[in-house]
Amino acid sequence: MSLSLFDLTGKRALITGSSQGIGFALARGLAAAGASIVLNGRDEAKLEAAAKTLRAEGAHVAALVFDATDHDGVRAAVDGFEAESGPINILVNNAGMQHRTPLEDFPADAFERLLQTNIASVFHVGQAVARHMIKRGAGKIVNICSVQTALARPGIAPYTATKGAVANLTKGMATDWAKYGLQCNGLAPGYFDTPLNKALVDDPKFTEWLSNRTPAGRWGNVEELVGTCIFLSSPASSFVNGTVVYVDGGITASL
């Protein structure tokens, strides 16, 4: 009984921004737990390469190309997929970007891109998928937050603002949609070795700082996010709603 609580067999999961990095790792992990996977991104070639890799591992995978910042495009893609292929039971809002510049010099166009990619996309895709989940009376939404949901660092103030907004939008989703049988929660990674963090991973000074600052003493591996994502996507979290789970090696717990 206990293991069956984490079984995703028969469920379908859409993961945005899932051709690489955290999104791809979560897609692979949900597939291993039994879910069929819908990969998403804007680059069809990268998506097909990622899908090929997962299929070779035995996963059932579809690729759905759309821009998560395009409200009408998202709605058309999600509605079309639901009509042709069946329900999306799990949504992982993972699409995101970073831009590092001191706040006093931060370009306005970069700020707007961060808003659209990191927070507006969560609204666009969340709403499009939730409309179908509400009709069925069930659904799981996992919004990828960040250690910057709770903390700030120099040079990324707008990113920090967007990730704080994702946490509050998650609370709003739970507040509006729990009554329809949806569970909406956030997963907040700490510092993980991903393409998005390549500049930091390649910086020995930053890695030394991170190792000293994090109680676990190291970068996280993307596979270490999978267990929490499975929990938040499965029956095991049936009464967990509107919360953010930090997977960060203890960095938000310690000064």
C-alpha atoms as a PDB file:
ATOM      1  CA  MET A   1       0.000   0.000   0.000  1.00  0.00           C
ATOM      2  CA  SER A   2       2.716   2.499   0.932  1.00  0.00           C
ATOM      3  CA  LEU A   3       4.576   2.190  -2.382  1.00  0.00           C
ATOM      4  CA  SER A   4       1.345   2.372  -4.371  1.00  0.00           C
ATOM      5  CA  LEU A   5       0.866   5.900  -3.046  1.00  0.00           C
ATOM      6  CA  PHE A   6       3.767   6.964  -5.297  1.00  0.00           C
ATOM      7  CA  ASP A   7       2.701   4.966  -8.375  1.00  0.00           C
ATOM      8  CA  LEU A   8       1.995   7.160 -11.421  1.00  0.00           C
ATOM      9  CA  THR A   9       0.967   4.341 -13.752  1.00  0.00           C
ATOM     10  CA  GLY A  10      -1.831   5.482 -16.046  1.00  0.00           C
ATOM     11  CA  LYS A  11      -1.105   9.179 -15.488  1.00  0.00           C
ATOM     12  CA  ARG A  12       0.176  11.629 -18.083  1.00  0.00           C
ATOM     13  CA  ALA A  13       2.588  14.426 -17.132  1.00  0.00           C
ATOM     14  CA  LEU A  14       3.354  17.585 -19.100  1.00  0.00           C
ATOM     15  CA  ILE A  15       6.679  19.162 -18.163  1.00  0.00           C
ATOM     16  CA  THR A  16       7.448  22.580 -19.653  1.00  0.00           C
ATOM     17  CA  GLY A  17      11.023  23.413 -20.615  1.00  0.00           C
ATOM     18  CA  SER A  18      11.949  19.746 -20.517  1.00  0.00           C
ATOM     19  CA  SER A  19      14.485  19.190 -23.303  1.00  0.00           C
ATOM     20  CA  GLN A  20      17.397  19.519 -20.846  1.00  0.00           C
ATOM     21  CA  GLY A  21      18.409  20.252 -17.262  1.00  0.00           C
ATOM     22  CA  ILE A  22      15.940  20.004 -14.404  1.00  0.00           C
ATOM     23  CA  GLY A  23      12.923  19.611 -16.683  1.00  0.00           C
ATOM     24  CA  PHE A  24      14.434  16.623 -18.463  1.00  0.00           C
ATOM     25  CA  ALA A  25      15.508  15.008 -15.177  1.00  0.00           C
ATOM     26  CA  LEU A  26      11.985  15.382 -13.781  1.00  0.00           C
ATOM     27  CA  ALA A  27      10.475  13.952 -16.959  1.00  0.00           C
ATOM     28  CA  ARG A  28      12.776  10.938 -16.720  1.00  0.00           C
ATOM     29  CA  GLY A  29      11.932  10.474 -13.038  1.00  0.00           C
ATOM     30  CA  LEU A  30       8.161  10.695 -13.544  1.00  0.00           C
ATOM     31  CA  ALA A  31       8.457   8.186 -16.382  1.00  0.00           C
ATOM     32  CA  ALA A  32      10.305   5.788 -14.077  1.00  0.00           C
ATOM     33  CA  ALA A  33       7.401   6.108 -11.623  1.00  0.00           C
ATOM     34  CA  GLY A  34       4.997   4.963 -14.358  1.00  0.00           C
ATOM     35  CA  ALA A  35       3.754   8.187 -15.967  1.00  0.00           C
ATOM     36  CA  SER A  36       3.603   8.786 -19.675  1.00  0.00           C
ATOM     37  CA  ILE A  37       5.445  11.982 -20.529  1.00  0.00           C
ATOM     38  CA  VAL A  38       4.725  15.054 -22.624  1.00  0.00           C
ATOM     39  CA  LEU A  39       7.903  17.015 -23.218  1.00  0.00           C
ATOM     40  CA  ASN A  40       7.607  20.710 -24.048  1.00  0.00           C
ATOM     41  CA  GLY A  41       9.832  23.426 -25.425  1.00  0.00           C
ATOM     42  CA  ARG A  42      10.224  25.766 -28.376  1.00  0.00           C
ATOM     43  CA  ASP A  43      12.993  23.864 -30.171  1.00  0.00           C
ATOM     44  CA  GLU A  44      11.487  20.860 -31.939  1.00  0.00           C
ATOM     45  CA  ALA A  45      14.849  19.260 -32.696  1.00  0.00           C
ATOM     46  CA  LYS A  46      15.982  19.400 -29.058  1.00  0.00           C
ATOM     47  CA  LEU A  47      12.635  18.007 -27.923  1.00  0.00           C
ATOM     48  CA  GLU A  48      12.821  15.094 -30.343  1.00  0.00           C
ATOM     49  CA  ALA A  49      16.358  14.291 -29.196  1.00  0.00           C
ATOM     50  CA  ALA A  50      15.200  14.272 -25.562  1.00  0.00           C
ATOM     51  CA  ALA A  51      12.161  12.157 -26.465  1.00  0.00           C
ATOM     52  CA  LYS A  52      14.365   9.666 -28.307  1.00  0.00           C
ATOM     53  CA  THR A  53      16.536   9.266 -25.217  1.00  0.00           C
ATOM     54  CA  LEU A  54      13.564   8.594 -22.939  1.00  0.00           C
ATOM     55  CA  ARG A  55      11.928   6.209 -25.401  1.00  0.00           C
ATOM     56  CA  ALA A  56      15.155   4.219 -25.526  1.00  0.00           C
ATOM     57  CA  GLU A  57      14.792   3.828 -21.757  1.00  0.00           C
ATOM     58  CA  GLY A  58      11.271   2.438 -22.180  1.00  0.00           C
ATOM     59  CA  ALA A  59       9.221   5.578 -21.515  1.00  0.00           C
ATOM     60  CA  HIS A  60       6.040   6.500 -23.359  1.00  0.00           C
ATOM     61  CA  VAL A  61       6.791  10.019 -24.618  1.00  0.00           C
ATOM     62  CA  ALA A  62       5.120  12.700 -26.712  1.00  0.00           C
ATOM     63  CA  ALA A  63       6.617  16.050 -27.683  1.00  0.00           C
ATOM     64  CA  LEU A  64       4.435  19.163 -27.661  1.00  0.00           C
ATOM     65  CA  VAL A  65       6.048  22.246 -29.173  1.00  0.00           C
ATOM     66  CA  PHE A  66       4.766  25.580 -27.892  1.00  0.00           C
ATOM     67  CA  ASP A  67       6.043  28.827 -26.416  1.00  0.00           C
ATOM     68  CA  ALA A  68       4.960  28.901 -22.766  1.00  0.00           C
ATOM     69  CA  THR A  69       4.874  32.725 -22.850  1.00  0.00           C
ATOM     70  CA  ASP A  70       2.252  32.807 -25.644  1.00  0.00           C
ATOM     71  CA  HIS A  71      -1.173  32.664 -23.972  1.00  0.00           C
ATOM     72  CA  ASP A  72      -3.182  31.853 -27.089  1.00  0.00           C
ATOM     73  CA  GLY A  73      -0.567  29.410 -28.365  1.00  0.00           C
ATOM     74  CA  VAL A  74      -0.492  27.586 -25.047  1.00  0.00           C
ATOM     75  CA  ARG A  75      -4.275  27.309 -24.948  1.00  0.00           C
ATOM     76  CA  ALA A  76      -4.444  25.963 -28.504  1.00  0.00           C
ATOM     77  CA  ALA A  77      -1.674  23.422 -27.897  1.00  0.00           C
ATOM     78  CA  VAL A  78      -3.118  22.135 -24.617  1.00  0.00           C
ATOM     79  CA  ASP A  79      -6.708  21.995 -25.876  1.00  0.00           C
ATOM     80  CA  GLY A  80      -5.595  20.252 -29.055  1.00  0.00           C
ATOM     81  CA  PHE A  81      -3.528  17.682 -27.172  1.00  0.00           C
ATOM     82  CA  GLU A  82      -6.339  16.915 -24.725  1.00  0.00           C
ATOM     83  CA  ALA A  83      -8.798  16.444 -27.607  1.00  0.00           C
ATOM     84  CA  GLU A  84      -6.487  14.198 -29.632  1.00  0.00           C
ATOM     85  CA  SER A  85      -4.459  12.278 -27.053  1.00  0.00           C
ATOM     86  CA  GLY A  86      -6.325  12.390 -23.736  1.00  0.00           C
ATOM     87  CA  PRO A  87      -6.005  14.014 -20.333  1.00  0.00           C
ATOM     88  CA  ILE A  88      -2.995  15.718 -18.817  1.00  0.00           C
ATOM     89  CA  ASN A  89      -3.112  14.595 -15.180  1.00  0.00           C
ATOM     90  CA  ILE A  90       0.112  16.214 -13.964  1.00  0.00           C
ATOM     91  CA  LEU A  91       1.627  19.556 -14.921  1.00  0.00           C
ATOM     92  CA  VAL A  92       5.164  20.562 -13.990  1.00  0.00           C
ATOM     93  CA  ASN A  93       5.714  24.253 -14.742  1.00  0.00           C
ATOM     94  CA  ASN A  94       9.481  24.230 -15.193  1.00  0.00           C
ATOM     95  CA  ALA A  95      10.216  26.693 -18.020  1.00  0.00           C
ATOM     96  CA  GLY A  96      12.511  29.436 -16.807  1.00  0.00           C
ATOM     97  CA  MET A  97      15.492  31.644 -17.534  1.00  0.00           C
ATOM     98  CA  GLN A  98      18.142  33.676 -15.742  1.00  0.00           C
ATOM     99  CA  HIS A  99      19.852  37.010 -16.440  1.00  0.00           C
ATOM    100  CA  ARG A 100      22.656  38.303 -14.246  1.00  0.00           C
ATOM    101  CA  THR A 101      23.285  42.064 -14.079  1.00  0.00           C
ATOM    102  CA  PRO A 102      23.520  44.474 -11.130  1.00  0.00           C
ATOM    103  CA  LEU A 103      20.066  45.879 -10.462  1.00  0.00           C
ATOM    104  CA  GLU A 104      21.063  49.489 -11.160  1.00  0.00           C
ATOM    105  CA  ASP A 105      22.139  48.445 -14.679  1.00  0.00           C
ATOM    106  CA  PHE A 106      19.517  45.779 -15.347  1.00  0.00           C
ATOM    107  CA  PRO A 107      18.091  46.158 -18.902  1.00  0.00           C
ATOM    108  CA  ALA A 108      14.347  46.729 -19.081  1.00  0.00           C
ATOM    109  CA  ASP A 109      13.944  44.240 -21.928  1.00  0.00           C
ATOM    110  CA  ALA A 110      15.712  41.526 -19.900  1.00  0.00           C
ATOM    111  CA  PHE A 111      13.403  42.268 -16.969  1.00  0.00           C
ATOM    112  CA  GLU A 112      10.356  41.832 -19.221  1.00  0.00           C
ATOM    113  CA  ARG A 113      11.704  38.533 -20.582  1.00  0.00           C
ATOM    114  CA  LEU A 114      12.161  37.239 -17.049  1.00  0.00           C
ATOM    115  CA  LEU A 115       8.592  38.205 -16.152  1.00  0.00           C
ATOM    116  CA  GLN A 116       7.186  36.465 -19.198  1.00  0.00           C
ATOM    117  CA  THR A 117       9.308  33.323 -19.006  1.00  0.00           C
ATOM    118  CA  ASN A 118       9.394  32.730 -15.255  1.00  0.00           C
ATOM    119  CA  ILE A 119       5.981  33.870 -14.045  1.00  0.00           C
ATOM    120  CA  ALA A 120       3.587  34.590 -16.933  1.00  0.00           C
ATOM    121  CA  SER A 121       4.264  31.119 -18.355  1.00  0.00           C
ATOM    122  CA  VAL A 122       3.133  29.546 -15.076  1.00  0.00           C
ATOM    123  CA  PHE A 123      -0.153  31.418 -15.375  1.00  0.00           C
ATOM    124  CA  HIS A 124      -0.633  30.632 -19.080  1.00  0.00           C
ATOM    125  CA  VAL A 125       0.102  26.907 -18.907  1.00  0.00           C
ATOM    126  CA  GLY A 126      -1.408  26.454 -15.448  1.00  0.00           C
ATOM    127  CA  GLN A 127      -4.706  27.987 -16.489  1.00  0.00           C
ATOM    128  CA  ALA A 128      -4.889  26.086 -19.784  1.00  0.00           C
ATOM    129  CA  VAL A 129      -4.262  22.715 -18.133  1.00  0.00           C
ATOM    130  CA  ALA A 130      -6.313  23.417 -14.995  1.00  0.00           C
ATOM    131  CA  ARG A 131      -9.460  24.107 -17.021  1.00  0.00           C
ATOM    132  CA  HIS A 132      -9.426  20.467 -18.111  1.00  0.00           C
ATOM    133  CA  MET A 133      -8.415  19.157 -14.680  1.00  0.00           C
ATOM    134  CA  ILE A 134     -11.294  21.055 -13.059  1.00  0.00           C
ATOM    135  CA  LYS A 135     -13.802  19.314 -15.336  1.00  0.00           C
ATOM    136  CA  ARG A 136     -12.390  15.942 -14.266  1.00  0.00           C
ATOM    137  CA  GLY A 137     -12.224  16.863 -10.568  1.00  0.00           C
ATOM    138  CA  ALA A 138      -8.569  15.909 -10.196  1.00  0.00           C
ATOM    139  CA  GLY A 139      -5.089  17.099 -11.091  1.00  0.00           C
ATOM    140  CA  LYS A 140      -1.572  17.813  -9.865  1.00  0.00           C
ATOM    141  CA  ILE A 141       0.326  21.026 -10.582  1.00  0.00           C
ATOM    142  CA  VAL A 142       3.963  21.372  -9.525  1.00  0.00           C
ATOM    143  CA  ASN A 143       5.476  24.810 -10.051  1.00  0.00           C
ATOM    144  CA  ILE A 144       9.270  24.982 -10.041  1.00  0.00           C
ATOM    145  CA  CYS A 145      10.334  27.717  -7.644  1.00  0.00           C
ATOM    146  CA  SER A 146      13.883  28.336  -6.422  1.00  0.00           C
ATOM    147  CA  VAL A 147      16.035  28.955  -3.394  1.00  0.00           C
ATOM    148  CA  GLN A 148      15.594  32.547  -4.603  1.00  0.00           C
ATOM    149  CA  THR A 149      11.923  32.238  -3.707  1.00  0.00           C
ATOM    150  CA  ALA A 150      13.134  32.836  -0.144  1.00  0.00           C
ATOM    151  CA  LEU A 151      16.579  34.412  -0.539  1.00  0.00           C
ATOM    152  CA  ALA A 152      18.323  37.004  -2.703  1.00  0.00           C
ATOM    153  CA  ARG A 153      21.805  37.279  -4.170  1.00  0.00           C
ATOM    154  CA  PRO A 154      23.559  40.188  -5.884  1.00  0.00           C
ATOM    155  CA  GLY A 155      22.868  40.632  -9.581  1.00  0.00           C
ATOM    156  CA  ILE A 156      19.640  38.637  -9.889  1.00  0.00           C
ATOM    157  CA  ALA A 157      17.008  40.775  -8.171  1.00  0.00           C
ATOM    158  CA  PRO A 158      14.426  40.464 -11.009  1.00  0.00           C
ATOM    159  CA  TYR A 159      14.869  36.670 -11.066  1.00  0.00           C
ATOM    160  CA  THR A 160      14.321  36.622  -7.306  1.00  0.00           C
ATOM    161  CA  ALA A 161      11.144  38.670  -7.788  1.00  0.00           C
ATOM    162  CA  THR A 162       9.783  36.237 -10.365  1.00  0.00           C
ATOM    163  CA  LYS A 163      10.459  33.192  -8.216  1.00  0.00           C
ATOM    164  CA  GLY A 164       8.797  34.829  -5.219  1.00  0.00           C
ATOM    165  CA  ALA A 165       5.820  35.463  -7.474  1.00  0.00           C
ATOM    166  CA  VAL A 166       5.721  31.818  -8.543  1.00  0.00           C
ATOM    167  CA  ALA A 167       5.356  30.805  -4.888  1.00  0.00           C
ATOM    168  CA  ASN A 168       2.469  33.208  -4.336  1.00  0.00           C
ATOM    169  CA  LEU A 169       0.780  32.196  -7.590  1.00  0.00           C
ATOM    170  CA  THR A 170       1.072  28.606  -6.355  1.00  0.00           C
ATOM    171  CA  LYS A 171      -0.777  29.595  -3.191  1.00  0.00           C
ATOM    172  CA  GLY A 172      -3.411  31.308  -5.319  1.00  0.00           C
ATOM    173  CA  MET A 173      -3.846  28.228  -7.502  1.00  0.00           C
ATOM    174  CA  ALA A 174      -4.364  26.078  -4.422  1.00  0.00           C
ATOM    175  CA  THR A 175      -6.802  28.588  -2.948  1.00  0.00           C
ATOM    176  CA  ASP A 176      -8.924  28.714  -6.115  1.00  0.00           C
ATOM    177  CA  TRP A 177      -8.623  25.128  -7.319  1.00  0.00           C
ATOM    178  CA  ALA A 178      -8.341  22.835  -4.274  1.00  0.00           C
ATOM    179  CA  LYS A 179     -12.130  22.709  -4.104  1.00  0.00           C
ATOM    180  CA  TYR A 180     -12.091  21.114  -7.571  1.00  0.00           C
ATOM    181  CA  GLY A 181      -9.770  18.310  -6.492  1.00  0.00           C
ATOM    182  CA  LEU A 182      -6.485  19.833  -7.649  1.00  0.00           C
ATOM    183  CA  GLN A 183      -3.293  19.887  -5.597  1.00  0.00           C
ATOM    184  CA  CYS A 184      -0.993  22.785  -6.531  1.00  0.00           C
ATOM    185  CA  ASN A 185       2.430  22.994  -4.920  1.00  0.00           C
ATOM    186  CA  GLY A 186       5.925  24.339  -5.493  1.00  0.00           C
ATOM    187  CA  LEU A 187       9.260  22.563  -5.669  1.00  0.00           C
ATOM    188  CA  ALA A 188      12.168  24.888  -4.909  1.00  0.00           C
ATOM    189  CA  PRO A 189      15.618  23.675  -5.955  1.00  0.00           C
ATOM    190  CA  GLY A 190      18.710  25.065  -4.339  1.00  0.00           C
ATOM    191  CA  TYR A 191      21.923  25.257  -6.361  1.00  0.00           C
ATOM    192  CA  PHE A 192      22.012  22.443  -8.900  1.00  0.00           C
ATOM    193  CA  ASP A 193      24.518  21.626 -11.604  1.00  0.00           C
ATOM    194  CA  THR A 194      22.452  22.507 -14.694  1.00  0.00           C
ATOM    195  CA  PRO A 195      22.974  24.347 -18.006  1.00  0.00           C
ATOM    196  CA  LEU A 196      21.223  27.383 -16.471  1.00  0.00           C
ATOM    197  CA  ASN A 197      23.923  27.511 -13.779  1.00  0.00           C
ATOM    198  CA  LYS A 198      26.890  26.708 -16.040  1.00  0.00           C
ATOM    199  CA  ALA A 199      28.572  30.074 -15.439  1.00  0.00           C
ATOM    200  CA  LEU A 200      28.447  29.499 -11.691  1.00  0.00           C
ATOM    201  CA  VAL A 201      29.473  25.840 -11.854  1.00  0.00           C
ATOM    202  CA  ASP A 202      32.500  26.844 -13.910  1.00  0.00           C
ATOM    203  CA  ASP A 203      33.491  29.527 -11.393  1.00  0.00           C
ATOM    204  CA  PRO A 204      35.798  27.977  -8.735  1.00  0.00           C
ATOM    205  CA  LYS A 205      35.324  30.948  -6.404  1.00  0.00           C
ATOM    206  CA  PHE A 206      31.530  30.597  -6.478  1.00  0.00           C
ATOM    207  CA  THR A 207      31.678  26.832  -6.027  1.00  0.00           C
ATOM    208  CA  GLU A 208      33.915  27.293  -2.991  1.00  0.00           C
ATOM    209  CA  TRP A 209      31.476  29.861  -1.572  1.00  0.00           C
ATOM    210  CA  LEU A 210      28.522  27.540  -2.228  1.00  0.00           C
ATOM    211  CA  SER A 211      30.223  24.550  -0.620  1.00  0.00           C
ATOM    212  CA  ASN A 212      30.906  26.615   2.508  1.00  0.00           C
ATOM    213  CA  ARG A 213      27.439  28.187   2.557  1.00  0.00           C
ATOM    214  CA  THR A 214      25.396  24.990   2.045  1.00  0.00           C
ATOM    215  CA  PRO A 215      25.191  22.592   5.018  1.00  0.00           C
ATOM    216  CA  ALA A 216      25.411  19.647   2.602  1.00  0.00           C
ATOM    217  CA  GLY A 217      28.655  21.154   1.314  1.00  0.00           C
ATOM    218  CA  ARG A 218      28.109  20.702  -2.439  1.00  0.00           C
ATOM    219  CA  TRP A 219      26.104  21.354  -5.570  1.00  0.00           C
ATOM    220  CA  GLY A 220      22.908  19.328  -5.950  1.00  0.00           C
ATOM    221  CA  ASN A 221      22.471  16.676  -8.617  1.00  0.00           C
ATOM    222  CA  VAL A 222      19.277  17.039 -10.665  1.00  0.00           C
ATOM    223  CA  GLU A 223      18.279  13.452  -9.881  1.00  0.00           C
ATOM    224  CA  GLU A 224      17.873  14.525  -6.245  1.00  0.00           C
ATOM    225  CA  LEU A 225      14.789  16.544  -7.218  1.00  0.00           C
ATOM    226  CA  VAL A 226      12.922  13.546  -8.587  1.00  0.00           C
ATOM    227  CA  GLY A 227      11.639  12.067  -5.318  1.00  0.00           C
ATOM    228  CA  THR A 228       9.965  15.300  -4.244  1.00  0.00           C
ATOM    229  CA  CYS A 229       8.416  15.757  -7.685  1.00  0.00           C
ATOM    230  CA  ILE A 230       7.018  12.228  -7.620  1.00  0.00           C
ATOM    231  CA  PHE A 231       5.575  12.866  -4.147  1.00  0.00           C
ATOM    232  CA  LEU A 232       3.882  16.091  -5.255  1.00  0.00           C
ATOM    233  CA  SER A 233       2.571  14.375  -8.418  1.00  0.00           C
ATOM    234  CA  SER A 234       1.209  11.270  -6.720  1.00  0.00           C
ATOM    235  CA  PRO A 235      -1.641  10.211  -4.426  1.00  0.00           C
ATOM    236  CA  ALA A 236       0.814  10.474  -1.519  1.00  0.00           C
ATOM    237  CA  SER A 237       0.279  14.271  -1.509  1.00  0.00           C
ATOM    238  CA  SER A 238      -3.522  14.202  -1.669  1.00  0.00           C
ATOM    239  CA  PHE A 239      -3.897  16.744   1.179  1.00  0.00           C
ATOM    240  CA  VAL A 240      -0.809  18.824   0.438  1.00  0.00           C
ATOM    241  CA  ASN A 241      -1.804  22.104  -1.163  1.00  0.00           C
ATOM    242  CA  GLY A 242      -0.256  25.532  -1.638  1.00  0.00           C
ATOM    243  CA  THR A 243       3.094  24.707  -0.106  1.00  0.00           C
ATOM    244  CA  VAL A 244       6.654  25.059  -1.364  1.00  0.00           C
ATOM    245  CA  VAL A 245       9.106  22.229  -0.687  1.00  0.00           C
ATOM    246  CA  TYR A 246      12.761  23.308  -0.642  1.00  0.00           C
ATOM    247  CA  VAL A 247      15.283  20.782  -1.933  1.00  0.00           C
ATOM    248  CA  ASP A 248      18.437  22.753  -1.276  1.00  0.00           C
ATOM    249  CA  GLY A 249      20.904  20.884   0.909  1.00  0.00           C
ATOM    250  CA  GLY A 250      19.831  23.014   3.883  1.00  0.00           C
ATOM    251  CA  ILE A 251      20.828  26.414   2.499  1.00  0.00           C
ATOM    252  CA  THR A 252      17.546  28.125   3.471  1.00  0.00           C
ATOM    253  CA  ALA A 253      17.733  26.627   6.958  1.00  0.00           C
ATOM    254  CA  SER A 254      21.151  27.970   7.897  1.00  0.00           C
ATOM    255  CA  LEU A 255      22.908  31.314   8.202  1.00  0.00           C
END
